[in-house]
Protein backbone atom coordinates (compact mmCIF):
# COMPACT_ATOMS: atom_id res chain seq x y z
CA MET A 1 -0.07 -0.10 -0.08
CA SER A 2 1.48 3.35 -0.94
CA GLU A 3 2.12 6.12 1.62
CA LYS A 4 0.15 9.02 2.06
CA VAL A 5 1.95 12.01 0.33
CA PRO A 6 1.55 15.34 2.51
CA SER A 7 -0.13 18.25 0.20
CA LYS A 8 1.73 21.34 -0.37
CA THR A 9 -0.90 23.21 1.57
CA SER A 10 -0.01 21.14 4.47
CA GLY A 11 3.38 21.87 4.30
CA TRP A 12 2.74 25.69 3.98
CA VAL A 13 0.51 25.24 7.05
CA ASP A 14 3.27 23.58 9.11
CA ARG A 15 5.79 26.27 7.78
CA LEU A 16 3.41 29.11 9.04
CA ALA A 17 2.64 27.67 12.16
CA VAL A 18 4.49 28.95 15.53
CA GLU A 19 6.32 27.05 18.13
CA ALA A 20 4.12 24.93 20.34
CA GLU A 21 4.44 21.81 22.58
CA PRO A 22 4.46 18.50 20.17
CA GLY A 23 1.58 16.11 20.71
CA LEU A 24 -1.16 18.72 20.80
CA THR A 25 -4.64 17.96 19.45
CA THR A 26 -6.03 20.13 16.51
CA THR A 27 -8.22 22.14 19.44
CA GLN A 28 -5.36 22.33 21.76
CA LEU A 29 -3.63 24.15 19.16
CA MET A 30 -6.27 26.89 19.00
CA LEU A 31 -5.82 27.53 22.85
CA THR A 32 -2.04 27.45 23.32
CA ASN A 33 1.62 28.07 21.93
CA HIS A 34 5.02 28.90 23.40
CA ASP A 35 3.97 32.54 24.22
CA LEU A 36 0.78 31.50 25.75
CA LYS A 37 1.96 28.66 28.17
CA PRO A 38 2.70 29.53 31.74
CA VAL A 39 6.22 31.11 31.90
CA GLU A 40 8.87 28.41 32.70
CA PRO A 41 11.52 29.27 35.47
CA ALA A 42 14.22 30.20 32.94
CA ARG A 43 12.27 33.09 31.47
CA ARG A 44 11.03 34.49 34.69
CA GLN A 45 13.77 37.26 34.79
CA TRP A 46 11.99 40.24 35.98
CA GLY A 47 13.13 41.32 39.47
CA PRO A 48 11.29 44.26 41.45
CA TRP A 49 13.94 46.99 40.14
CA ASN A 50 12.85 45.69 36.59
CA PHE A 51 9.30 46.82 37.50
CA VAL A 52 10.58 50.06 38.99
CA ALA A 53 12.55 50.77 36.14
CA PHE A 54 9.51 49.78 33.95
CA TRP A 55 7.17 52.29 35.36
CA VAL A 56 9.83 55.09 35.72
CA ALA A 57 10.44 54.70 32.05
CA ASP A 58 6.65 54.54 31.22
CA SER A 59 5.61 57.39 33.30
CA PHE A 60 7.82 59.76 31.20
CA ASN A 61 5.99 59.86 27.97
CA ILE A 62 4.14 62.80 26.18
CA ASN A 63 0.88 61.33 26.90
CA THR A 64 1.33 61.64 30.81
CA TRP A 65 2.33 65.32 29.98
CA MET A 66 -0.81 65.74 28.12
CA ILE A 67 -3.29 64.28 30.63
CA SER A 68 -2.23 66.45 33.64
CA SER A 69 -1.74 69.61 31.61
CA SER A 70 -4.86 69.25 29.84
CA MET A 71 -6.22 69.62 33.47
CA ILE A 72 -4.73 73.13 33.57
CA VAL A 73 -6.33 73.95 30.48
CA ASN A 74 -9.86 72.72 31.69
CA GLY A 75 -9.73 75.21 34.64
CA LEU A 76 -7.78 73.66 37.45
CA SER A 77 -4.86 75.45 39.19
CA TRP A 78 -1.44 73.91 39.28
CA TRP A 79 -1.81 72.12 42.77
CA GLN A 80 -5.26 70.76 42.19
CA SER A 81 -4.24 69.26 38.81
CA TRP A 82 -1.23 67.63 40.77
CA LEU A 83 -3.47 66.50 43.56
CA CYS A 84 -5.62 64.82 41.12
CA VAL A 85 -2.65 62.95 39.73
CA TRP A 86 -1.59 61.65 43.11
CA ILE A 87 -5.22 60.35 43.95
CA GLY A 88 -5.68 58.94 40.29
CA TYR A 89 -2.44 56.99 39.91
CA SER A 90 -2.37 55.81 43.45
CA ILE A 91 -5.79 53.89 42.73
CA ALA A 92 -4.76 52.96 39.31
CA GLY A 93 -1.44 51.57 41.10
CA CYS A 94 -3.63 49.31 43.47
CA PHE A 95 -5.59 48.09 40.59
CA ILE A 96 -2.43 47.11 38.98
CA CYS A 97 -1.41 45.10 41.62
CA MET A 98 -4.53 43.15 41.76
CA THR A 99 -4.24 42.26 38.29
CA GLY A 100 -0.75 41.89 38.28
CA ARG A 101 -0.61 39.56 41.13
CA ILE A 102 -2.54 36.87 38.96
CA GLY A 103 0.23 36.67 36.41
CA ALA A 104 3.03 36.90 38.83
CA THR A 105 1.61 34.03 40.84
CA TYR A 106 0.58 31.53 38.10
CA HIS A 107 2.72 33.09 35.28
CA ILE A 108 -0.07 33.28 32.74
CA GLY A 109 -1.02 36.34 30.83
CA PHE A 110 -4.28 38.27 30.44
CA PRO A 111 -5.94 36.27 27.51
CA VAL A 112 -5.47 32.92 29.58
CA ILE A 113 -6.70 34.48 32.90
CA ASN A 114 -9.75 35.64 31.23
CA ARG A 115 -11.03 31.88 30.35
CA SER A 116 -11.46 31.54 34.13
CA SER A 117 -14.05 34.06 34.02
CA PHE A 118 -15.23 34.31 30.72
CA GLY A 119 -14.93 30.46 29.50
CA ILE A 120 -12.67 28.89 27.11
CA TRP A 121 -14.01 30.24 24.03
CA GLY A 122 -15.92 33.07 25.57
CA SER A 123 -12.64 34.74 26.57
CA LEU A 124 -11.97 35.65 22.89
CA TRP A 125 -14.42 38.58 22.79
CA PRO A 126 -12.77 40.27 25.79
CA VAL A 127 -9.44 39.49 24.18
CA PHE A 128 -10.31 40.74 20.95
CA ASN A 129 -11.75 44.07 22.59
CA ARG A 130 -8.45 44.49 24.28
CA ALA A 131 -6.45 43.78 21.00
CA ALA A 132 -8.45 46.15 18.78
CA MET A 133 -8.08 49.02 21.69
CA ALA A 134 -4.41 48.18 21.77
CA CYS A 135 -3.88 48.52 18.14
CA ILE A 136 -5.75 52.09 17.94
CA TRP A 137 -3.54 53.27 21.05
CA PHE A 138 -0.59 51.94 19.23
CA GLY A 139 -1.46 54.58 16.48
CA VAL A 140 -2.15 57.39 18.97
CA GLN A 141 1.08 56.94 20.80
CA SER A 142 2.92 56.64 17.39
CA TRP A 143 1.38 59.69 16.05
CA ILE A 144 2.71 61.63 19.30
CA GLY A 145 6.15 59.93 18.70
CA GLY A 146 5.86 61.37 15.14
CA GLY A 147 5.73 65.06 16.59
CA CYS A 148 8.79 64.39 18.60
CA VAL A 149 10.35 63.42 15.13
CA TYR A 150 9.18 66.42 13.55
CA LEU A 151 10.76 68.77 16.06
CA MET A 152 13.96 66.59 15.62
CA ILE A 153 14.05 67.36 11.77
CA ARG A 154 12.92 70.89 12.38
CA ALA A 155 15.60 71.65 14.57
CA ILE A 156 18.21 70.95 11.91
CA TRP A 157 15.72 72.07 8.75
CA LEU A 158 13.80 75.08 9.65
CA SER A 159 11.81 74.78 6.53
CA TRP A 160 10.25 71.48 7.73
CA ASP A 161 7.21 73.45 8.72
CA ARG A 162 3.53 72.87 8.74
CA ASP A 163 2.31 76.13 7.05
CA GLY A 164 2.59 74.52 3.86
CA THR A 165 4.73 77.47 2.35
CA LYS A 166 7.71 75.39 1.82
CA ILE A 167 6.55 71.87 1.65
CA HIS A 168 3.30 71.14 0.09
CA ASN A 169 0.41 70.06 2.37
CA SER A 170 -1.92 67.47 0.84
CA PHE A 171 -4.14 67.30 3.92
CA SER A 172 -7.24 69.14 4.60
CA GLU A 173 -7.22 71.72 7.33
CA ALA A 174 -10.13 69.94 9.34
CA SER A 175 -7.98 66.58 9.09
CA GLY A 176 -5.89 68.04 12.23
CA ALA A 177 -2.63 66.72 10.07
CA THR A 178 -0.04 68.06 7.36
CA THR A 179 2.12 66.23 5.11
CA VAL A 180 5.26 66.89 7.36
CA ASP A 181 3.17 65.51 10.41
CA TYR A 182 2.28 62.22 8.61
CA VAL A 183 5.85 61.76 7.27
CA SER A 184 7.31 62.36 10.67
CA PHE A 185 4.79 59.95 12.07
CA PHE A 186 5.81 57.51 9.40
CA ILE A 187 9.72 57.67 10.17
CA PHE A 188 8.60 57.14 13.92
CA TRP A 189 6.59 54.10 13.06
CA LEU A 190 9.39 52.64 10.94
CA VAL A 191 12.13 53.08 13.54
CA SER A 192 9.62 51.30 16.15
CA LEU A 193 9.37 47.88 14.00
CA PRO A 194 12.90 46.62 15.25
CA ALA A 195 12.21 47.10 18.92
CA ILE A 196 8.97 44.58 18.51
CA TRP A 197 11.26 41.95 17.56
CA PHE A 198 12.71 41.09 21.15
CA PRO A 199 11.06 38.63 23.34
CA VAL A 200 9.35 40.03 26.63
CA HIS A 201 11.60 38.60 29.00
CA LYS A 202 14.50 40.68 27.29
CA VAL A 203 12.77 43.95 26.46
CA ARG A 204 13.25 45.04 29.99
CA HIS A 205 16.36 46.48 29.01
CA LEU A 206 14.97 49.10 26.85
CA PHE A 207 13.22 50.30 29.98
CA THR A 208 16.38 50.40 31.95
CA VAL A 209 17.94 52.68 29.45
CA LYS A 210 14.98 54.84 29.22
CA ALA A 211 14.72 55.36 32.82
CA TYR A 212 18.12 56.87 32.74
CA VAL A 213 17.76 58.94 29.65
CA VAL A 214 14.48 60.25 29.69
CA PRO A 215 14.18 61.72 33.29
CA CYS A 216 17.32 63.75 32.60
CA ALA A 217 15.53 65.43 29.44
CA GLY A 218 12.17 66.15 31.10
CA ILE A 219 13.98 67.87 34.02
CA ALA A 220 16.11 69.78 31.77
CA PHE A 221 12.86 70.93 29.83
CA PHE A 222 11.33 71.80 33.27
CA ILE A 223 14.25 73.96 34.27
CA TRP A 224 14.26 75.76 30.74
CA ALA A 225 10.60 76.48 31.06
CA VAL A 226 10.72 77.75 34.42
CA VAL A 227 13.83 80.01 33.73
CA ARG A 228 11.96 81.55 30.68
CA ALA A 229 8.85 82.11 32.99
CA GLY A 230 11.02 84.27 35.36
CA GLY A 231 11.05 81.68 38.24
CA VAL A 232 8.18 79.32 39.61
CA GLY A 233 6.71 82.32 41.43
CA PRO A 234 4.51 83.48 38.55
CA ILE A 235 3.38 80.01 37.77
CA VAL A 236 2.10 78.90 41.22
CA HIS A 237 0.14 82.10 41.57
CA GLN A 238 -2.12 81.25 38.69
CA PRO A 239 -5.38 80.44 39.94
CA ALA A 240 -8.21 77.98 38.98
CA THR A 241 -10.43 79.27 36.18
CA LYS A 242 -13.52 77.27 37.53
CA SER A 243 -15.07 77.33 40.93
CA GLY A 244 -18.02 76.08 42.69
CA SER A 245 -19.49 72.29 41.66
CA ALA A 246 -18.01 73.08 38.15
CA LEU A 247 -14.43 72.86 39.76
CA GLY A 248 -15.51 70.00 41.96
CA TRP A 249 -16.57 67.81 39.01
CA GLU A 250 -13.47 68.84 37.04
CA PHE A 251 -11.26 67.72 39.78
CA VAL A 252 -13.09 64.39 39.48
CA LYS A 253 -12.63 64.05 35.98
CA GLY A 254 -8.88 64.93 36.38
CA CYS A 255 -8.67 61.92 38.78
CA MET A 256 -10.56 59.84 36.37
CA SER A 257 -8.70 60.62 33.27
CA SER A 258 -5.31 59.61 35.45
CA ILE A 259 -7.27 56.28 36.11
CA ALA A 260 -8.42 56.19 32.35
CA ASN A 261 -4.83 56.43 31.37
CA PHE A 262 -4.22 53.20 33.00
CA ALA A 263 -7.22 51.41 31.63
CA THR A 264 -5.20 49.31 29.06
CA LEU A 265 -2.30 48.57 31.64
CA ILE A 266 -4.69 47.48 34.40
CA VAL A 267 -6.30 44.65 32.53
CA ASN A 268 -2.67 43.61 30.64
CA ASP A 269 -0.34 43.79 33.60
CA ALA A 270 -0.29 40.28 34.05
CA ASP A 271 1.28 40.11 30.49
CA PHE A 272 4.45 41.27 32.29
CA ALA A 273 3.94 40.11 35.95
CA ARG A 274 4.03 36.78 34.50
CA PHE A 275 7.70 37.08 33.87
CA ALA A 276 8.40 38.05 37.62
CA GLY A 277 10.80 35.70 39.82
CA LYS A 278 8.27 35.98 42.81
CA PRO A 279 4.67 37.36 43.20
CA LYS A 280 6.25 39.87 45.66
CA ASP A 281 8.44 41.09 43.01
CA ALA A 282 5.59 42.54 40.59
CA PHE A 283 3.96 43.75 44.35
CA TRP A 284 5.50 46.55 46.30
CA SER A 285 7.57 47.80 43.38
CA GLN A 286 4.59 48.58 41.29
CA LEU A 287 2.46 49.72 44.28
CA PHE A 288 4.82 52.51 45.03
CA ALA A 289 6.71 53.20 41.59
CA ILE A 290 3.57 53.90 39.95
CA PRO A 291 2.18 56.86 41.84
CA ILE A 292 5.51 58.41 42.39
CA GLY A 293 6.87 58.08 38.94
CA PHE A 294 3.74 59.46 37.31
CA ALA A 295 3.42 62.33 39.98
CA VAL A 296 6.91 63.47 39.29
CA THR A 297 6.18 63.39 35.44
CA SER A 298 3.06 65.06 35.87
CA PHE A 299 4.32 67.78 38.08
CA ILE A 300 6.85 68.61 35.36
CA GLY A 301 4.19 68.63 32.85
CA ILE A 302 1.90 70.59 35.01
CA ILE A 303 4.57 73.45 35.58
CA VAL A 304 5.64 73.39 32.20
CA SER A 305 2.15 74.05 30.66
CA SER A 306 1.51 76.73 33.36
CA SER A 307 4.66 78.40 32.62
CA SER A 308 3.44 78.68 28.75
CA THR A 309 0.71 80.83 30.24
CA VAL A 310 3.17 83.12 31.69
CA ILE A 311 5.68 83.02 28.64
CA TYR A 312 3.13 83.30 25.76
CA GLY A 313 -0.32 84.37 27.50
CA GLU A 314 -2.13 81.01 26.67
CA PRO A 315 -1.88 77.38 28.01
CA ILE A 316 -0.13 75.17 25.67
CA TRP A 317 -1.21 71.69 26.75
CA ASN A 318 1.20 69.76 24.36
CA PRO A 319 4.63 70.03 25.49
CA LEU A 320 5.66 69.32 21.87
CA ASP A 321 3.97 72.65 20.72
CA LEU A 322 5.71 74.52 23.39
CA LEU A 323 8.96 73.05 22.26
CA GLU A 324 8.25 74.17 18.80
CA ARG A 325 7.66 77.79 20.20
CA PHE A 326 11.27 77.63 21.33
CA ILE A 327 12.51 76.63 18.01
CA ASP A 328 10.75 79.58 16.59
CA ASP A 329 12.01 81.89 19.42
CA GLY A 330 15.80 80.98 19.55
CA GLY A 331 18.79 80.45 17.64
CA SER A 332 21.10 77.40 16.98
CA ALA A 333 21.86 76.82 20.67
CA GLN A 334 18.07 76.60 21.42
CA ARG A 335 17.37 74.40 18.54
CA PHE A 336 20.22 71.99 19.70
CA GLY A 337 18.38 71.82 23.03
CA VAL A 338 15.11 71.26 21.60
CA PHE A 339 16.76 68.53 19.39
CA VAL A 340 18.15 66.54 22.47
CA ILE A 341 14.69 66.90 24.45
CA ALA A 342 12.89 65.71 21.37
CA ALA A 343 14.95 62.85 20.90
CA ALA A 344 14.74 61.84 24.52
CA PHE A 345 11.09 62.38 24.36
CA ALA A 346 10.69 59.95 20.97
CA LEU A 347 12.59 57.27 23.15
CA ALA A 348 10.05 57.75 25.67
CA GLN A 349 7.21 57.08 23.41
CA LEU A 350 8.97 53.85 21.85
CA GLY A 351 9.30 52.34 25.15
CA THR A 352 5.60 53.25 26.19
CA ASN A 353 4.37 51.91 22.69
CA ILE A 354 6.19 48.71 23.11
CA ALA A 355 4.94 48.20 26.94
CA ALA A 356 1.55 49.32 26.64
CA ASN A 357 0.39 48.28 23.42
CA SER A 358 2.83 46.27 21.04
CA VAL A 359 3.21 43.46 23.62
CA SER A 360 -0.23 43.56 24.97
CA ALA A 361 -1.79 43.49 21.61
CA GLY A 362 0.65 40.83 20.51
CA THR A 363 -0.34 38.55 23.48
CA ASP A 364 -4.15 39.32 22.66
CA LEU A 365 -3.76 38.35 18.90
CA THR A 366 -1.73 35.42 20.07
CA ALA A 367 -4.77 33.86 21.94
CA LEU A 368 -6.95 34.79 19.03
CA LEU A 369 -4.83 32.51 16.41
CA PRO A 370 -2.34 30.66 18.46
CA ARG A 371 -1.21 28.20 15.93
CA PHE A 372 0.01 30.98 13.64
CA ILE A 373 0.41 34.09 15.62
CA ASN A 374 3.13 34.57 18.59
CA ILE A 375 3.63 37.84 20.59
CA ARG A 376 6.24 39.07 17.96
CA ARG A 377 3.96 38.37 14.85
CA GLY A 378 1.02 40.11 17.06
CA GLY A 379 3.06 43.05 17.57
CA TYR A 380 3.66 43.50 13.77
CA ILE A 381 0.17 43.32 13.19
CA CYS A 382 -0.64 45.72 15.80
CA ALA A 383 1.92 48.02 14.14
CA VAL A 384 0.26 47.99 10.64
CA VAL A 385 -3.12 48.41 12.23
CA GLY A 386 -1.63 51.35 13.92
CA LEU A 387 -0.37 52.80 10.75
CA ALA A 388 -3.49 52.30 8.54
CA MET A 389 -5.89 54.23 11.32
CA CYS A 390 -6.12 58.04 11.29
CA PRO A 391 -4.70 58.69 15.07
CA TYR A 392 -4.31 62.32 14.52
CA THR A 393 -8.09 62.61 14.61
CA LEU A 394 -8.33 61.90 18.39
CA LEU A 395 -5.67 64.56 19.41
CA THR A 396 -6.98 67.81 17.68
CA SER A 397 -8.26 69.28 21.31
CA ALA A 398 -7.76 68.57 24.95
CA ASN A 399 -11.56 67.68 25.28
CA GLN A 400 -11.38 65.28 22.28
CA PHE A 401 -8.44 63.40 23.82
CA THR A 402 -9.72 63.29 27.45
CA THR A 403 -13.31 62.14 25.98
CA TYR A 404 -11.46 59.19 23.76
CA LEU A 405 -9.80 58.23 27.26
CA SER A 406 -13.03 58.05 29.15
CA ALA A 407 -14.65 55.93 26.34
CA TYR A 408 -11.59 53.80 26.18
CA SER A 409 -11.88 52.76 30.00
CA VAL A 410 -15.62 52.25 29.86
CA PHE A 411 -15.25 48.58 28.24
CA LEU A 412 -11.90 47.82 29.94
CA SER A 413 -13.19 48.49 33.42
CA SER A 414 -16.09 46.00 32.76
CA ILE A 415 -13.41 43.36 31.92
CA ALA A 416 -11.28 44.13 34.95
CA GLY A 417 -14.25 43.95 37.28
CA VAL A 418 -14.98 40.59 36.04
CA MET A 419 -11.38 39.35 36.19
CA VAL A 420 -10.85 40.71 39.82
CA ALA A 421 -13.97 39.36 41.01
CA ASP A 422 -13.33 35.92 39.64
CA TYR A 423 -10.11 35.57 41.15
CA TYR A 424 -10.39 37.07 44.60
CA LEU A 425 -14.04 36.64 45.56
CA VAL A 426 -15.29 33.69 43.78
CA ARG A 427 -12.17 31.41 43.34
CA ARG A 428 -10.28 33.02 46.38
CA GLY A 429 -6.82 32.92 44.61
CA TYR A 430 -7.45 29.08 43.20
CA LEU A 431 -6.70 28.34 39.48
CA GLU A 432 -6.32 24.74 37.63
CA ILE A 433 -3.64 25.68 35.30
CA LYS A 434 -3.93 22.96 32.91
CA GLU A 435 -7.62 23.12 32.79
CA LEU A 436 -7.23 26.72 31.37
CA TYR A 437 -5.94 25.09 28.33
CA ASP A 438 -8.42 22.28 27.81
CA ALA A 439 -11.52 22.73 25.54
CA ARG A 440 -13.29 19.60 26.45
CA ALA A 441 -16.82 19.83 27.71
CA ALA A 442 -15.96 18.17 31.10
CA GLY A 443 -13.43 20.68 32.12
CA PRO A 444 -14.26 23.26 34.77
CA TYR A 445 -13.72 26.23 32.69
CA PHE A 446 -15.77 25.23 29.79
CA PHE A 447 -19.12 26.24 31.04
CA THR A 448 -21.93 26.47 28.27
CA TYR A 449 -20.48 25.77 24.77
CA GLY A 450 -17.27 27.47 26.05
CA PHE A 451 -18.89 30.56 27.16
CA HIS A 452 -19.71 31.70 30.62
CA TRP A 453 -22.96 33.45 30.69
CA ARG A 454 -22.43 35.17 34.33
CA GLY A 455 -19.17 36.72 33.05
CA TYR A 456 -20.88 38.17 30.01
CA ALA A 457 -23.97 39.28 32.08
CA ALA A 458 -21.64 41.15 34.41
CA TYR A 459 -19.71 42.53 31.51
CA ILE A 460 -22.54 43.93 29.70
CA ALA A 461 -23.93 45.53 32.99
CA GLY A 462 -20.72 47.29 33.63
CA ILE A 463 -21.04 48.97 30.13
CA LEU A 464 -24.72 49.43 30.42
CA ILE A 465 -24.18 51.89 33.50
CA ASN A 466 -22.00 54.45 31.45
CA VAL A 467 -23.62 54.18 28.09
CA VAL A 468 -26.02 57.05 28.56
CA GLY A 469 -23.31 59.18 30.19
CA PHE A 470 -21.25 58.58 26.96
CA ALA A 471 -23.91 59.72 24.60
CA GLY A 472 -23.80 62.90 26.58
CA ALA A 473 -20.01 63.15 26.20
CA ILE A 474 -19.95 63.05 22.49
CA GLY A 475 -22.64 65.68 22.18
CA ARG A 476 -26.12 64.20 22.92
CA GLU A 477 -28.60 65.60 25.71
CA VAL A 478 -28.82 63.28 28.63
CA PRO A 479 -30.09 63.64 32.10
CA ILE A 480 -27.57 65.15 34.60
CA GLY A 481 -27.43 62.21 36.71
CA ALA A 482 -26.05 60.07 33.88
CA THR A 483 -23.54 62.69 33.21
CA TYR A 484 -22.29 62.31 37.13
CA ILE A 485 -22.31 58.54 36.67
CA TYR A 486 -20.17 58.79 33.43
CA ASN A 487 -17.57 61.40 35.19
CA LEU A 488 -16.97 58.06 37.40
CA ASN A 489 -16.89 55.60 34.61
CA PHE A 490 -14.00 53.41 35.58
CA PHE A 491 -15.35 52.82 39.00
CA CYS A 492 -19.07 52.48 38.07
CA GLY A 493 -18.04 50.00 35.26
CA PHE A 494 -15.39 47.81 37.60
CA ILE A 495 -17.90 47.83 40.59
CA VAL A 496 -20.99 46.99 38.67
CA SER A 497 -19.61 44.24 36.61
CA GLY A 498 -17.28 42.92 39.61
CA GLY A 499 -20.31 42.92 41.95
CA MET A 500 -22.86 41.35 39.58
CA TYR A 501 -20.35 38.72 38.74
CA TRP A 502 -19.95 37.73 42.50
CA GLY A 503 -23.76 37.86 42.91
CA LEU A 504 -24.27 35.54 39.86
CA CYS A 505 -21.76 33.06 41.08
CA LYS A 506 -23.29 32.86 44.61
CA LEU A 507 -26.77 32.29 43.04
CA PHE A 508 -25.56 29.88 40.26
CA PRO A 509 -22.17 28.34 41.59
CA ILE A 510 -19.34 27.48 39.53
CA PRO A 511 -16.59 24.46 39.60
CA ALA A 512 -13.01 24.83 40.41
CA CYS A 513 -13.22 27.25 43.52
CA SER A 514 -11.64 26.94 46.91
CA GLU A 515 -13.62 27.48 50.13
CA ARG A 516 -10.57 29.45 51.47
CA TRP A 517 -7.91 31.66 50.22
CA MET A 518 -5.50 29.11 48.36
CA GLU A 519 -3.00 30.31 45.69
CA VAL A 520 -1.07 27.49 44.30
CA GLY A 521 1.07 29.00 41.80
CA ASP A 522 4.04 28.37 43.57
CA GLU A 523 3.61 24.69 42.64
CA ILE A 524 4.07 25.36 39.05
CA ASP A 525 7.39 24.53 37.57
CA ASP A 526 6.60 23.48 34.10
CA VAL A 527 3.25 22.36 32.75
CA ARG A 528 2.98 20.02 29.86
CA LEU A 529 -0.51 20.00 28.14
CA ALA A 530 -0.54 17.10 25.84
CA TYR A 531 -3.36 14.37 26.32
CA GLU A 532 -1.86 10.91 27.65
CA ALA A 533 -3.05 8.00 25.22
CA ASP A 534 -6.16 7.53 27.69
CA GLY A 535 -7.26 10.97 26.86
CA SER A 536 -6.46 12.38 30.40
CA LEU A 537 -4.27 15.52 30.69
CA SER A 538 -0.45 14.83 31.03
CA ARG A 539 0.93 13.95 34.43
CA SER A 540 4.29 15.79 33.58
CA GLY A 541 4.80 19.05 35.51
CA SER A 542 3.81 20.10 39.00
CA GLN A 543 0.16 20.41 38.74
CA VAL A 544 -1.86 17.00 39.05
CA PHE A 545 -5.45 17.19 38.93
CA ASP A 546 -7.48 14.11 40.22
CA ASP A 547 -10.98 13.51 40.60
CA ASP A 548 -10.57 12.04 43.99
CA LYS A 549 -8.97 15.23 45.29
CA ARG A 550 -11.61 17.49 44.37
CA ALA A 551 -13.52 17.01 47.74
CA ASN A 552 -11.88 20.03 49.20
CA GLY A 553 -13.04 22.41 46.51
CA THR A 554 -9.55 22.25 44.47
CA GLY A 555 -7.55 19.96 42.30
CA TYR A 556 -4.92 19.35 44.94
CA GLU A 557 -4.48 16.93 47.92
CA LEU A 558 -3.99 19.16 50.93
CA ARG A 559 -1.11 18.74 53.73
CA ASP A 560 -1.66 19.58 57.49
CA ASP A 561 -0.45 23.12 56.83
CA GLY A 562 -2.85 23.72 54.12
CA LYS A 563 -0.29 23.55 51.21
CA ALA A 564 -0.91 21.76 48.07
CA VAL A 565 0.94 18.74 47.34
């Protein structure tokens, strides 16, 4: 009998496939690959100082400046804006530690964690939602980075100008962009591509370099602006331009803008925390580094934005616009200073884009098609989408920018609420890792046809609480109560979705929960996912799941001291 000859199509499919454990079934290949499996000890290379450097580096970016300084434009004084920053980022730091702990304990990322709360197949929609948002945000951050490139070129070549007299502008005035802006954006985008190539456990070195270089440039810009304004005195004496209840709600929106800036990182911090050597490496370092790092950066942004009012008679919310004014005012020495600061800010944008968008989008896209997409390929898909969109339309005004941030957080807050309630309130820290990669109907995370209806009901409820207020934010007439709710959009979405999920799981209990707090992530060494000949999960690795050990509410046999064995 003749042997079956593999088709050419099968050969191409195998060549396009990414690295995965041998022996997996076709269904399992839709759930895992090397980048989705729990991180083995050899790749757990992030220590506490790596996380500190990561957040210090991430805080020094133009986006942080724009958020804090836009509070000045919207009517707050400098100290009120700074207080918003401290409150907002301190709260965001707590949220980050809550979601990051899951990844640091079990060494799995956001897409896999969500299989516990949304179901094996139901998790794909939150993952797609998150991936789409990351791709859009990649374009926005790249556009801001393009502004840095524009300043670098203009500091050398003054005719590189937006007025269209020397370089023809093919964009309409209403678009918010010019030809030189788009070319600068494309250059930044092109330079970003090599950085996507590096694996996540090695990209930490980029953040270390950025943590040294960018703060120096930011402090230099701060000193330069204060000197030109004639000292800090004229800046700090500028009063708030709003009062009464309007001032109070503007303060609330300032705090929420800071949290909204972290909406993406709150849900995907596990994508980085899973590379931590120990869970505590990703806890205290993040809890303190986030509010301190972002408060320092925001303070610089607030003072620089306030100084523009003294220097030019108007608040300039975008620090890149202020640097361009410095080019117009000064000679060659001043242009050199702008070039150096703009180059450092370009590095800042690159690091932020890789951390907050490229890696997270790559991880999410990997979960959508794990047989053919890994984090590297997903990062490049994210870059292509970011290039194809029109990010400049989101940055034409401070109001439009903050509106976009708030809308962005509405969807992600509901996902975060379900994820946190599932881990901390319902399962009490217990996850059966191997079962998160098993699509058989008998698995504890398969639920109904692979979808967890409780998770979806809670997710939709968290969005609905903010829908009416969002309509008001984009110009529709809505009741004032809906506007007040929307001003607290992240909290409302998080609390409603998390509370509803917990309540539904109380009324309709789910499997694989512990009766008391029990994290067993330290038992994970290397998880093999291939089925045995009898169809059971492989016994290799540290996690063992036996039916006769589920009486205690877990998949483990317990010692006298409560540890799993």
